[in-house]
Amino acid sequence: MEEVMTFASIISPIVIALVQLVKKTVTVNKRFLPLISLLTGLLIGLLAWPLTDLTLVLRIWSGGLAGLAASGLYSLGKKTISNNDKDKAA
């Protein structure tokens, strides 16, 4: 399980970057961003076979966790920044 979490932690920033790229290049409804993040994580997990010794199932789990973490981390960061801006304005 440690290998899955480590691999998910490594690919999570890549998922964040790719989802941001999609957001900047294609008009996407915001409610679909977590799904896009999840699918991107799964795809990266599938394509990462030369980078790790994990089995296919573990890579898919890692990619899914990375995708879910990426969408949550981005939302959390965005909320934190907007709350800091509100605090400064007050």
C-alpha atoms as a PDB file:
ATOM      1  CA  MET A   1       0.000   0.000   0.000  1.00  0.00           C
ATOM      2  CA  GLU A   2       2.904   2.346   0.668  1.00  0.00           C
ATOM      3  CA  GLU A   3       4.029   1.991  -2.941  1.00  0.00           C
ATOM      4  CA  VAL A   4       0.563   2.940  -4.192  1.00  0.00           C
ATOM      5  CA  MET A   5       0.442   6.049  -2.020  1.00  0.00           C
ATOM      6  CA  THR A   6       3.978   7.039  -2.975  1.00  0.00           C
ATOM      7  CA  PHE A   7       3.249   6.650  -6.672  1.00  0.00           C
ATOM      8  CA  ALA A   8      -0.030   8.572  -6.313  1.00  0.00           C
ATOM      9  CA  SER A   9       1.840  11.366  -4.542  1.00  0.00           C
ATOM     10  CA  ILE A  10       4.357  11.542  -7.342  1.00  0.00           C
ATOM     11  CA  ILE A  11       1.846  11.709 -10.189  1.00  0.00           C
ATOM     12  CA  SER A  12      -0.657  13.996  -8.454  1.00  0.00           C
ATOM     13  CA  PRO A  13       1.167  17.239  -9.451  1.00  0.00           C
ATOM     14  CA  ILE A  14       1.284  15.988 -13.033  1.00  0.00           C
ATOM     15  CA  VAL A  15      -2.471  15.459 -12.963  1.00  0.00           C
ATOM     16  CA  ILE A  16      -2.976  18.962 -11.562  1.00  0.00           C
ATOM     17  CA  ALA A  17      -0.884  20.438 -14.357  1.00  0.00           C
ATOM     18  CA  LEU A  18      -2.709  18.508 -17.084  1.00  0.00           C
ATOM     19  CA  VAL A  19      -6.145  19.453 -15.754  1.00  0.00           C
ATOM     20  CA  GLN A  20      -5.055  23.094 -15.654  1.00  0.00           C
ATOM     21  CA  LEU A  21      -3.916  22.734 -19.263  1.00  0.00           C
ATOM     22  CA  VAL A  22      -7.318  21.347 -20.224  1.00  0.00           C
ATOM     23  CA  LYS A  23      -9.048  24.200 -18.391  1.00  0.00           C
ATOM     24  CA  LYS A  24      -6.977  26.814 -20.219  1.00  0.00           C
ATOM     25  CA  THR A  25      -7.321  25.303 -23.691  1.00  0.00           C
ATOM     26  CA  VAL A  26     -10.865  23.896 -23.763  1.00  0.00           C
ATOM     27  CA  THR A  27     -14.106  25.334 -22.437  1.00  0.00           C
ATOM     28  CA  VAL A  28     -15.244  22.856 -19.791  1.00  0.00           C
ATOM     29  CA  ASN A  29     -18.108  23.026 -17.347  1.00  0.00           C
ATOM     30  CA  LYS A  30     -16.603  23.318 -13.853  1.00  0.00           C
ATOM     31  CA  ARG A  31     -18.702  20.486 -12.484  1.00  0.00           C
ATOM     32  CA  PHE A  32     -16.871  18.039 -14.775  1.00  0.00           C
ATOM     33  CA  LEU A  33     -13.378  18.977 -13.568  1.00  0.00           C
ATOM     34  CA  PRO A  34     -13.202  16.303 -10.825  1.00  0.00           C
ATOM     35  CA  LEU A  35     -14.204  13.685 -13.401  1.00  0.00           C
ATOM     36  CA  ILE A  36     -11.571  14.966 -15.835  1.00  0.00           C
ATOM     37  CA  SER A  37      -9.035  14.892 -13.025  1.00  0.00           C
ATOM     38  CA  LEU A  38      -9.954  11.306 -12.129  1.00  0.00           C
ATOM     39  CA  LEU A  39      -9.777  10.148 -15.750  1.00  0.00           C
ATOM     40  CA  THR A  40      -6.456  11.929 -16.257  1.00  0.00           C
ATOM     41  CA  GLY A  41      -5.055  10.226 -13.168  1.00  0.00           C
ATOM     42  CA  LEU A  42      -6.250   6.832 -14.384  1.00  0.00           C
ATOM     43  CA  LEU A  43      -4.700   7.437 -17.811  1.00  0.00           C
ATOM     44  CA  ILE A  44      -1.367   8.471 -16.322  1.00  0.00           C
ATOM     45  CA  GLY A  45      -1.468   5.418 -14.059  1.00  0.00           C
ATOM     46  CA  LEU A  46      -2.014   3.198 -17.082  1.00  0.00           C
ATOM     47  CA  LEU A  47       0.723   4.823 -19.137  1.00  0.00           C
ATOM     48  CA  ALA A  48       3.315   4.770 -16.349  1.00  0.00           C
ATOM     49  CA  TRP A  49       4.279   1.116 -16.796  1.00  0.00           C
ATOM     50  CA  PRO A  50       7.931   1.792 -17.700  1.00  0.00           C
ATOM     51  CA  LEU A  51       8.390   4.015 -14.635  1.00  0.00           C
ATOM     52  CA  THR A  52       7.412   1.588 -11.889  1.00  0.00           C
ATOM     53  CA  ASP A  53       7.307  -2.076 -10.967  1.00  0.00           C
ATOM     54  CA  LEU A  54       3.691  -1.846  -9.777  1.00  0.00           C
ATOM     55  CA  THR A  55       1.141  -4.165 -11.342  1.00  0.00           C
ATOM     56  CA  LEU A  56      -1.550  -2.783 -13.642  1.00  0.00           C
ATOM     57  CA  VAL A  57      -4.198  -2.840 -10.916  1.00  0.00           C
ATOM     58  CA  LEU A  58      -1.988  -0.961  -8.456  1.00  0.00           C
ATOM     59  CA  ARG A  59      -1.074   1.634 -11.105  1.00  0.00           C
ATOM     60  CA  ILE A  60      -4.766   2.180 -11.847  1.00  0.00           C
ATOM     61  CA  TRP A  61      -5.511   2.603  -8.133  1.00  0.00           C
ATOM     62  CA  SER A  62      -2.606   5.027  -7.823  1.00  0.00           C
ATOM     63  CA  GLY A  63      -3.830   7.026 -10.800  1.00  0.00           C
ATOM     64  CA  GLY A  64      -7.352   7.179  -9.433  1.00  0.00           C
ATOM     65  CA  LEU A  65      -6.134   8.332  -6.038  1.00  0.00           C
ATOM     66  CA  ALA A  66      -3.886  10.915  -7.690  1.00  0.00           C
ATOM     67  CA  GLY A  67      -6.787  12.227  -9.764  1.00  0.00           C
ATOM     68  CA  LEU A  68      -9.073  12.543  -6.771  1.00  0.00           C
ATOM     69  CA  ALA A  69      -6.321  14.123  -4.693  1.00  0.00           C
ATOM     70  CA  ALA A  70      -5.496  16.555  -7.485  1.00  0.00           C
ATOM     71  CA  SER A  71      -9.058  17.834  -7.727  1.00  0.00           C
ATOM     72  CA  GLY A  72      -9.300  18.167  -3.950  1.00  0.00           C
ATOM     73  CA  LEU A  73      -5.928  19.855  -3.568  1.00  0.00           C
ATOM     74  CA  TYR A  74      -6.705  22.388  -6.280  1.00  0.00           C
ATOM     75  CA  SER A  75     -10.097  23.210  -4.756  1.00  0.00           C
ATOM     76  CA  LEU A  76      -8.574  23.548  -1.300  1.00  0.00           C
ATOM     77  CA  GLY A  77      -5.807  25.810  -2.563  1.00  0.00           C
ATOM     78  CA  LYS A  78      -8.244  27.971  -4.483  1.00  0.00           C
ATOM     79  CA  LYS A  79     -10.483  28.368  -1.409  1.00  0.00           C
ATOM     80  CA  THR A  80      -7.502  29.230   0.780  1.00  0.00           C
ATOM     81  CA  ILE A  81      -6.271  31.896  -1.628  1.00  0.00           C
ATOM     82  CA  SER A  82      -9.731  33.444  -2.030  1.00  0.00           C
ATOM     83  CA  ASN A  83     -10.228  33.476   1.763  1.00  0.00           C
ATOM     84  CA  ASN A  84      -6.857  35.215   2.218  1.00  0.00           C
ATOM     85  CA  ASP A  85      -7.839  37.833  -0.354  1.00  0.00           C
ATOM     86  CA  LYS A  86     -11.130  38.456   1.509  1.00  0.00           C
ATOM     87  CA  ASP A  87      -9.262  38.787   4.818  1.00  0.00           C
ATOM     88  CA  LYS A  88      -6.870  41.347   3.320  1.00  0.00           C
ATOM     89  CA  ALA A  89      -9.727  43.387   1.878  1.00  0.00           C
ATOM     90  CA  ALA A  90     -11.548  43.540   5.235  1.00  0.00           C
END
